Amino acid sequence: MSGSPYVDLSHVFEDGMPGLRLQGADGTRIEYSARVFPFLTHEQSRPRYADQAEFAITEIHFRTSIGTVLDAPYHRYPAGRDISELRLEEVILPGVALDLRGRRPHEAVGPAALPPDLDLTGKAVLLNFGWDVHWGENAYHAFPFLAADAIDALIDRGVALVGVDTPNVDDTRDPRRPAHTRLLRQEIPIVENLTHLDALLGRHFRFFAVPWRAKGVAALPVRAFAELDGWL
């Protein structure tokens, strides 16, 4: 096999990127993006170094549930562990990608869609709905999702992390948020807004979703990627 042993599973984090959508008190939808801009430009820095060197420093403003993002238990539960308390072995895991493509917007996918003979114990289970093709479009926010009994089936089968290529692991029309409620109660981290999961179908790989060690933070963007097994 030629090429790289790594598959980048993250959307680009950039100024004005697609962001978190929330509903305001009046029912309108508000989309929160990120701002990325110079704090200090190369040109501005040169006098500090007697015109012998120059450096750029960048400033970023964003809500932490944006982009390819990792949810810690604290995201759902006030007493849950925050991002800084997740162990590396919880976000670096053997992975499996499940092919759930061809679903309709707002379709609930039941446990029958989960391959019955596949060992999911201790795995990062990445759900490939093929929805990353809609990134940046309104269509991205009307997406399929796993039904509550499918989430229970994943938990019963010992999954260690669940990732999706949609903006939310839950149906955002359901205020109970069963996936977040069940998974994070069981200390199972969630990764949302993944991309390029097609490249992992049928492959053995290790999944990485390592965030900053940020105290008091419920969710945080990550550079998610996979390391393929058997690469030569």
C-alpha atoms as a PDB file:
ATOM      1  CA  MET A   1       0.000   0.000   0.000  1.00  0.00           C
ATOM      2  CA  SER A   2       1.299   3.444  -0.863  1.00  0.00           C
ATOM      3  CA  GLY A   3       0.544   6.801   0.710  1.00  0.00           C
ATOM      4  CA  SER A   4       0.162   7.645   4.368  1.00  0.00           C
ATOM      5  CA  PRO A   5      -0.810   5.418   7.299  1.00  0.00           C
ATOM      6  CA  TYR A   6      -2.910   8.297   8.654  1.00  0.00           C
ATOM      7  CA  VAL A   7      -6.436   9.434   7.772  1.00  0.00           C
ATOM      8  CA  ASP A   8      -7.377  12.933   8.912  1.00  0.00           C
ATOM      9  CA  LEU A   9     -10.918  12.823  10.302  1.00  0.00           C
ATOM     10  CA  SER A  10     -11.239  16.506  11.248  1.00  0.00           C
ATOM     11  CA  HIS A  11     -12.872  19.454   9.553  1.00  0.00           C
ATOM     12  CA  VAL A  12     -10.687  22.546   9.147  1.00  0.00           C
ATOM     13  CA  PHE A  13     -10.937  24.985  12.057  1.00  0.00           C
ATOM     14  CA  GLU A  14     -11.022  28.455  10.502  1.00  0.00           C
ATOM     15  CA  ASP A  15     -12.422  31.946  10.731  1.00  0.00           C
ATOM     16  CA  GLY A  16     -16.152  31.977   9.966  1.00  0.00           C
ATOM     17  CA  MET A  17     -16.421  28.174   9.950  1.00  0.00           C
ATOM     18  CA  PRO A  18     -19.765  26.366  10.328  1.00  0.00           C
ATOM     19  CA  GLY A  19     -20.563  26.376  14.009  1.00  0.00           C
ATOM     20  CA  LEU A  20     -22.859  25.501  16.854  1.00  0.00           C
ATOM     21  CA  ARG A  21     -26.552  26.119  16.184  1.00  0.00           C
ATOM     22  CA  LEU A  22     -28.801  26.972  19.127  1.00  0.00           C
ATOM     23  CA  GLN A  23     -32.407  28.067  19.317  1.00  0.00           C
ATOM     24  CA  GLY A  24     -33.040  31.458  20.893  1.00  0.00           C
ATOM     25  CA  ALA A  25     -35.872  32.307  23.288  1.00  0.00           C
ATOM     26  CA  ASP A  26     -37.963  33.591  20.364  1.00  0.00           C
ATOM     27  CA  GLY A  27     -37.529  30.327  18.454  1.00  0.00           C
ATOM     28  CA  THR A  28     -34.995  31.630  15.955  1.00  0.00           C
ATOM     29  CA  ARG A  29     -31.877  29.618  15.201  1.00  0.00           C
ATOM     30  CA  ILE A  30     -28.548  31.245  15.987  1.00  0.00           C
ATOM     31  CA  GLU A  31     -25.304  29.871  14.553  1.00  0.00           C
ATOM     32  CA  TYR A  32     -22.121  30.543  16.511  1.00  0.00           C
ATOM     33  CA  SER A  33     -18.912  30.442  14.512  1.00  0.00           C
ATOM     34  CA  ALA A  34     -15.231  31.009  15.313  1.00  0.00           C
ATOM     35  CA  ARG A  35     -13.130  34.124  14.905  1.00  0.00           C
ATOM     36  CA  VAL A  36      -9.476  33.632  13.960  1.00  0.00           C
ATOM     37  CA  PHE A  37      -7.426  36.812  13.555  1.00  0.00           C
ATOM     38  CA  PRO A  38      -3.948  38.235  14.200  1.00  0.00           C
ATOM     39  CA  PHE A  39      -3.080  39.313  17.715  1.00  0.00           C
ATOM     40  CA  LEU A  40       0.349  40.339  16.450  1.00  0.00           C
ATOM     41  CA  THR A  41       1.372  40.294  12.781  1.00  0.00           C
ATOM     42  CA  HIS A  42       4.838  39.604  11.380  1.00  0.00           C
ATOM     43  CA  GLU A  43       5.088  43.235  10.347  1.00  0.00           C
ATOM     44  CA  GLN A  44       4.038  44.517  13.775  1.00  0.00           C
ATOM     45  CA  SER A  45       6.549  42.282  15.546  1.00  0.00           C
ATOM     46  CA  ARG A  46       9.683  43.287  13.594  1.00  0.00           C
ATOM     47  CA  PRO A  47      10.530  46.398  15.666  1.00  0.00           C
ATOM     48  CA  ARG A  48      10.537  44.227  18.804  1.00  0.00           C
ATOM     49  CA  TYR A  49      13.474  42.290  17.341  1.00  0.00           C
ATOM     50  CA  ALA A  50      15.401  45.214  15.826  1.00  0.00           C
ATOM     51  CA  ASP A  51      14.193  44.118  12.373  1.00  0.00           C
ATOM     52  CA  GLN A  52      16.243  40.912  12.739  1.00  0.00           C
ATOM     53  CA  ALA A  53      13.298  38.532  13.135  1.00  0.00           C
ATOM     54  CA  GLU A  54       9.524  38.504  12.955  1.00  0.00           C
ATOM     55  CA  PHE A  55       6.743  36.374  14.471  1.00  0.00           C
ATOM     56  CA  ALA A  56       2.994  36.038  14.240  1.00  0.00           C
ATOM     57  CA  ILE A  57       0.690  35.419  17.230  1.00  0.00           C
ATOM     58  CA  THR A  58      -2.906  34.424  16.511  1.00  0.00           C
ATOM     59  CA  GLU A  59      -6.013  35.072  18.596  1.00  0.00           C
ATOM     60  CA  ILE A  60      -9.028  32.739  18.465  1.00  0.00           C
ATOM     61  CA  HIS A  61     -12.522  33.246  19.905  1.00  0.00           C
ATOM     62  CA  PHE A  62     -14.951  30.301  19.865  1.00  0.00           C
ATOM     63  CA  ARG A  63     -17.517  28.316  21.823  1.00  0.00           C
ATOM     64  CA  THR A  64     -15.970  24.962  22.626  1.00  0.00           C
ATOM     65  CA  SER A  65     -18.707  22.818  21.014  1.00  0.00           C
ATOM     66  CA  ILE A  66     -17.613  23.599  17.480  1.00  0.00           C
ATOM     67  CA  GLY A  67     -15.902  21.726  14.669  1.00  0.00           C
ATOM     68  CA  THR A  68     -14.713  18.152  15.186  1.00  0.00           C
ATOM     69  CA  VAL A  69     -15.403  18.087  18.907  1.00  0.00           C
ATOM     70  CA  LEU A  70     -14.996  15.758  21.882  1.00  0.00           C
ATOM     71  CA  ASP A  71     -17.656  15.694  24.624  1.00  0.00           C
ATOM     72  CA  ALA A  72     -16.629  14.769  28.171  1.00  0.00           C
ATOM     73  CA  PRO A  73     -19.138  13.539  30.793  1.00  0.00           C
ATOM     74  CA  TYR A  74     -19.257  17.061  32.294  1.00  0.00           C
ATOM     75  CA  HIS A  75     -20.951  18.211  29.071  1.00  0.00           C
ATOM     76  CA  ARG A  76     -24.114  16.431  30.269  1.00  0.00           C
ATOM     77  CA  TYR A  77     -23.579  15.982  34.013  1.00  0.00           C
ATOM     78  CA  PRO A  78     -22.510  18.694  36.492  1.00  0.00           C
ATOM     79  CA  ALA A  79     -20.548  16.146  38.546  1.00  0.00           C
ATOM     80  CA  GLY A  80     -19.047  14.421  35.506  1.00  0.00           C
ATOM     81  CA  ARG A  81     -15.380  14.505  34.555  1.00  0.00           C
ATOM     82  CA  ASP A  82     -14.260  17.419  32.427  1.00  0.00           C
ATOM     83  CA  ILE A  83     -11.947  17.382  29.411  1.00  0.00           C
ATOM     84  CA  SER A  84      -8.797  17.630  31.569  1.00  0.00           C
ATOM     85  CA  GLU A  85      -9.769  14.502  33.488  1.00  0.00           C
ATOM     86  CA  LEU A  86     -10.051  12.191  30.488  1.00  0.00           C
ATOM     87  CA  ARG A  87      -7.177   9.709  30.322  1.00  0.00           C
ATOM     88  CA  LEU A  88      -5.194   9.335  27.110  1.00  0.00           C
ATOM     89  CA  GLU A  89      -6.220   5.695  26.834  1.00  0.00           C
ATOM     90  CA  GLU A  90      -9.863   6.865  26.656  1.00  0.00           C
ATOM     91  CA  VAL A  91      -9.224   8.935  23.522  1.00  0.00           C
ATOM     92  CA  ILE A  92      -6.608   6.730  21.808  1.00  0.00           C
ATOM     93  CA  LEU A  93      -8.360   3.467  20.996  1.00  0.00           C
ATOM     94  CA  PRO A  94      -8.673   0.637  18.503  1.00  0.00           C
ATOM     95  CA  GLY A  95     -11.487   1.637  16.181  1.00  0.00           C
ATOM     96  CA  VAL A  96     -14.171   0.306  13.911  1.00  0.00           C
ATOM     97  CA  ALA A  97     -16.192   2.261  11.338  1.00  0.00           C
ATOM     98  CA  LEU A  98     -19.781   1.197  10.686  1.00  0.00           C
ATOM     99  CA  ASP A  99     -21.342   1.838   7.284  1.00  0.00           C
ATOM    100  CA  LEU A 100     -24.705   3.557   7.877  1.00  0.00           C
ATOM    101  CA  ARG A 101     -24.818   5.485   4.619  1.00  0.00           C
ATOM    102  CA  GLY A 102     -28.003   5.926   2.593  1.00  0.00           C
ATOM    103  CA  ARG A 103     -30.170   7.065   5.508  1.00  0.00           C
ATOM    104  CA  ARG A 104     -32.742   9.846   5.288  1.00  0.00           C
ATOM    105  CA  PRO A 105     -32.686  13.158   7.191  1.00  0.00           C
ATOM    106  CA  HIS A 106     -34.049  12.649  10.724  1.00  0.00           C
ATOM    107  CA  GLU A 107     -34.109   8.866  10.275  1.00  0.00           C
ATOM    108  CA  ALA A 108     -33.764   6.916  13.523  1.00  0.00           C
ATOM    109  CA  VAL A 109     -31.430   3.941  13.029  1.00  0.00           C
ATOM    110  CA  GLY A 110     -32.184   0.965  15.242  1.00  0.00           C
ATOM    111  CA  PRO A 111     -29.958  -1.773  16.703  1.00  0.00           C
ATOM    112  CA  ALA A 112     -30.546  -4.042  13.691  1.00  0.00           C
ATOM    113  CA  ALA A 113     -28.108  -1.815  11.768  1.00  0.00           C
ATOM    114  CA  LEU A 114     -25.259  -2.823  14.097  1.00  0.00           C
ATOM    115  CA  PRO A 115     -23.333  -5.883  12.769  1.00  0.00           C
ATOM    116  CA  PRO A 116     -24.165  -8.624  15.289  1.00  0.00           C
ATOM    117  CA  ASP A 117     -20.896 -10.571  15.050  1.00  0.00           C
ATOM    118  CA  LEU A 118     -18.508  -7.623  15.244  1.00  0.00           C
ATOM    119  CA  ASP A 119     -16.551  -7.283  18.498  1.00  0.00           C
ATOM    120  CA  LEU A 120     -17.048  -3.723  19.749  1.00  0.00           C
ATOM    121  CA  THR A 121     -15.584  -4.193  23.232  1.00  0.00           C
ATOM    122  CA  GLY A 122     -13.171  -1.399  24.109  1.00  0.00           C
ATOM    123  CA  LYS A 123     -13.474   0.113  20.626  1.00  0.00           C
ATOM    124  CA  ALA A 124     -14.026   3.607  19.303  1.00  0.00           C
ATOM    125  CA  VAL A 125     -17.119   3.008  17.181  1.00  0.00           C
ATOM    126  CA  LEU A 126     -17.371   5.578  14.375  1.00  0.00           C
ATOM    127  CA  LEU A 127     -20.752   5.863  12.653  1.00  0.00           C
ATOM    128  CA  ASN A 128     -20.370   6.696   8.973  1.00  0.00           C
ATOM    129  CA  PHE A 129     -23.648   8.212   7.767  1.00  0.00           C
ATOM    130  CA  GLY A 130     -21.813   9.917   4.902  1.00  0.00           C
ATOM    131  CA  TRP A 131     -23.179  13.210   6.210  1.00  0.00           C
ATOM    132  CA  ASP A 132     -19.868  15.083   6.032  1.00  0.00           C
ATOM    133  CA  VAL A 133     -20.618  15.812   2.359  1.00  0.00           C
ATOM    134  CA  HIS A 134     -23.183  18.361   3.614  1.00  0.00           C
ATOM    135  CA  TRP A 135     -20.696  20.251   5.827  1.00  0.00           C
ATOM    136  CA  GLY A 136     -21.405  23.982   5.580  1.00  0.00           C
ATOM    137  CA  GLU A 137     -24.878  23.449   4.098  1.00  0.00           C
ATOM    138  CA  ASN A 138     -28.302  23.696   5.730  1.00  0.00           C
ATOM    139  CA  ALA A 139     -28.787  20.021   4.876  1.00  0.00           C
ATOM    140  CA  TYR A 140     -26.052  19.135   7.371  1.00  0.00           C
ATOM    141  CA  HIS A 141     -28.387  19.992  10.255  1.00  0.00           C
ATOM    142  CA  ALA A 142     -31.145  17.537   9.262  1.00  0.00           C
ATOM    143  CA  PHE A 143     -29.351  14.256   9.825  1.00  0.00           C
ATOM    144  CA  PRO A 144     -29.947  10.584  10.719  1.00  0.00           C
ATOM    145  CA  PHE A 145     -29.098   9.351  14.203  1.00  0.00           C
ATOM    146  CA  LEU A 146     -29.007   6.224  16.347  1.00  0.00           C
ATOM    147  CA  ALA A 147     -32.233   5.468  18.197  1.00  0.00           C
ATOM    148  CA  ALA A 148     -32.097   5.076  21.976  1.00  0.00           C
ATOM    149  CA  ASP A 149     -32.236   1.273  21.811  1.00  0.00           C
ATOM    150  CA  ALA A 150     -29.277   1.274  19.409  1.00  0.00           C
ATOM    151  CA  ILE A 151     -27.321   3.403  21.866  1.00  0.00           C
ATOM    152  CA  ASP A 152     -28.209   0.915  24.604  1.00  0.00           C
ATOM    153  CA  ALA A 153     -26.993  -1.905  22.357  1.00  0.00           C
ATOM    154  CA  LEU A 154     -23.621  -0.169  21.886  1.00  0.00           C
ATOM    155  CA  ILE A 155     -23.274   0.270  25.641  1.00  0.00           C
ATOM    156  CA  ASP A 156     -24.196  -3.375  26.258  1.00  0.00           C
ATOM    157  CA  ARG A 157     -21.528  -4.413  23.748  1.00  0.00           C
ATOM    158  CA  GLY A 158     -18.830  -2.546  25.649  1.00  0.00           C
ATOM    159  CA  VAL A 159     -17.975   0.358  23.348  1.00  0.00           C
ATOM    160  CA  ALA A 160     -15.404   2.812  24.716  1.00  0.00           C
ATOM    161  CA  LEU A 161     -16.168   5.865  22.523  1.00  0.00           C
ATOM    162  CA  VAL A 162     -18.795   6.793  19.932  1.00  0.00           C
ATOM    163  CA  GLY A 163     -18.112   9.106  16.996  1.00  0.00           C
ATOM    164  CA  VAL A 164     -20.401  10.464  14.256  1.00  0.00           C
ATOM    165  CA  ASP A 165     -19.983  12.420  11.027  1.00  0.00           C
ATOM    166  CA  THR A 166     -23.055  14.518  11.903  1.00  0.00           C
ATOM    167  CA  PRO A 167     -23.354  17.654  14.055  1.00  0.00           C
ATOM    168  CA  ASN A 168     -24.854  15.772  16.996  1.00  0.00           C
ATOM    169  CA  VAL A 169     -25.004  12.189  18.216  1.00  0.00           C
ATOM    170  CA  ASP A 170     -28.620  12.916  19.235  1.00  0.00           C
ATOM    171  CA  ASP A 171     -31.722  13.939  17.340  1.00  0.00           C
ATOM    172  CA  THR A 172     -31.707  17.655  18.182  1.00  0.00           C
ATOM    173  CA  ARG A 173     -35.517  17.694  18.075  1.00  0.00           C
ATOM    174  CA  ASP A 174     -35.585  15.447  21.166  1.00  0.00           C
ATOM    175  CA  PRO A 175     -34.963  17.494  24.338  1.00  0.00           C
ATOM    176  CA  ARG A 176     -34.202  14.333  26.341  1.00  0.00           C
ATOM    177  CA  ARG A 177     -30.929  13.855  24.403  1.00  0.00           C
ATOM    178  CA  PRO A 178     -30.882  10.067  25.009  1.00  0.00           C
ATOM    179  CA  ALA A 179     -27.492   9.406  23.383  1.00  0.00           C
ATOM    180  CA  HIS A 180     -25.640  12.030  25.403  1.00  0.00           C
ATOM    181  CA  THR A 181     -27.563  11.007  28.516  1.00  0.00           C
ATOM    182  CA  ARG A 182     -26.805   7.297  28.229  1.00  0.00           C
ATOM    183  CA  LEU A 183     -23.267   7.417  26.845  1.00  0.00           C
ATOM    184  CA  LEU A 184     -21.873  10.114  29.110  1.00  0.00           C
ATOM    185  CA  ARG A 185     -23.535   8.556  32.152  1.00  0.00           C
ATOM    186  CA  GLN A 186     -21.471   5.463  31.341  1.00  0.00           C
ATOM    187  CA  GLU A 187     -18.297   7.604  30.951  1.00  0.00           C
ATOM    188  CA  ILE A 188     -18.205   6.945  27.195  1.00  0.00           C
ATOM    189  CA  PRO A 189     -16.833  10.025  25.363  1.00  0.00           C
ATOM    190  CA  ILE A 190     -18.492  11.295  22.193  1.00  0.00           C
ATOM    191  CA  VAL A 191     -16.888  12.804  19.079  1.00  0.00           C
ATOM    192  CA  GLU A 192     -19.069  14.772  16.643  1.00  0.00           C
ATOM    193  CA  ASN A 193     -18.489  16.364  13.232  1.00  0.00           C
ATOM    194  CA  LEU A 194     -16.066  13.732  11.972  1.00  0.00           C
ATOM    195  CA  THR A 195     -15.216  13.487   8.277  1.00  0.00           C
ATOM    196  CA  HIS A 196     -13.610  11.072   5.773  1.00  0.00           C
ATOM    197  CA  LEU A 197     -14.956   7.985   7.545  1.00  0.00           C
ATOM    198  CA  ASP A 198     -15.388   6.263   4.160  1.00  0.00           C
ATOM    199  CA  ALA A 199     -11.634   5.651   4.157  1.00  0.00           C
ATOM    200  CA  LEU A 200     -11.935   3.505   7.283  1.00  0.00           C
ATOM    201  CA  LEU A 201     -14.662   1.087   6.179  1.00  0.00           C
ATOM    202  CA  GLY A 202     -13.387  -2.470   6.334  1.00  0.00           C
ATOM    203  CA  ARG A 203     -10.049  -1.349   7.776  1.00  0.00           C
ATOM    204  CA  HIS A 204      -8.328  -2.006  11.094  1.00  0.00           C
ATOM    205  CA  PHE A 205      -7.147   1.231  12.697  1.00  0.00           C
ATOM    206  CA  ARG A 206      -6.340   3.098  15.853  1.00  0.00           C
ATOM    207  CA  PHE A 207      -8.393   6.229  16.564  1.00  0.00           C
ATOM    208  CA  PHE A 208      -6.967   9.405  18.124  1.00  0.00           C
ATOM    209  CA  ALA A 209      -9.062  12.295  19.495  1.00  0.00           C
ATOM    210  CA  VAL A 210      -6.739  14.024  21.969  1.00  0.00           C
ATOM    211  CA  PRO A 211      -7.834  17.438  23.306  1.00  0.00           C
ATOM    212  CA  TRP A 212      -5.940  20.057  25.279  1.00  0.00           C
ATOM    213  CA  ARG A 213      -5.792  19.266  28.991  1.00  0.00           C
ATOM    214  CA  ALA A 214      -8.352  22.001  29.703  1.00  0.00           C
ATOM    215  CA  LYS A 215      -9.764  22.310  33.235  1.00  0.00           C
ATOM    216  CA  GLY A 216     -13.450  23.064  33.712  1.00  0.00           C
ATOM    217  CA  VAL A 217     -14.196  22.521  30.015  1.00  0.00           C
ATOM    218  CA  ALA A 218     -17.117  20.332  28.916  1.00  0.00           C
ATOM    219  CA  ALA A 219     -16.244  19.849  25.231  1.00  0.00           C
ATOM    220  CA  LEU A 220     -13.330  20.820  23.014  1.00  0.00           C
ATOM    221  CA  PRO A 221     -12.306  20.611  19.345  1.00  0.00           C
ATOM    222  CA  VAL A 222      -9.774  17.887  18.522  1.00  0.00           C
ATOM    223  CA  ARG A 223      -7.552  16.903  15.604  1.00  0.00           C
ATOM    224  CA  ALA A 224      -9.141  13.495  15.178  1.00  0.00           C
ATOM    225  CA  PHE A 225      -7.311  11.000  12.984  1.00  0.00           C
ATOM    226  CA  ALA A 226      -6.871   7.277  12.376  1.00  0.00           C
ATOM    227  CA  GLU A 227      -3.677   5.262  12.073  1.00  0.00           C
ATOM    228  CA  LEU A 228      -4.261   2.365   9.701  1.00  0.00           C
ATOM    229  CA  ASP A 229      -2.990  -1.103  10.511  1.00  0.00           C
ATOM    230  CA  GLY A 230      -1.029  -3.039   7.914  1.00  0.00           C
ATOM    231  CA  TRP A 231       0.412   0.022   6.184  1.00  0.00           C
ATOM    232  CA  LEU A 232       3.733  -0.602   4.396  1.00  0.00           C
END
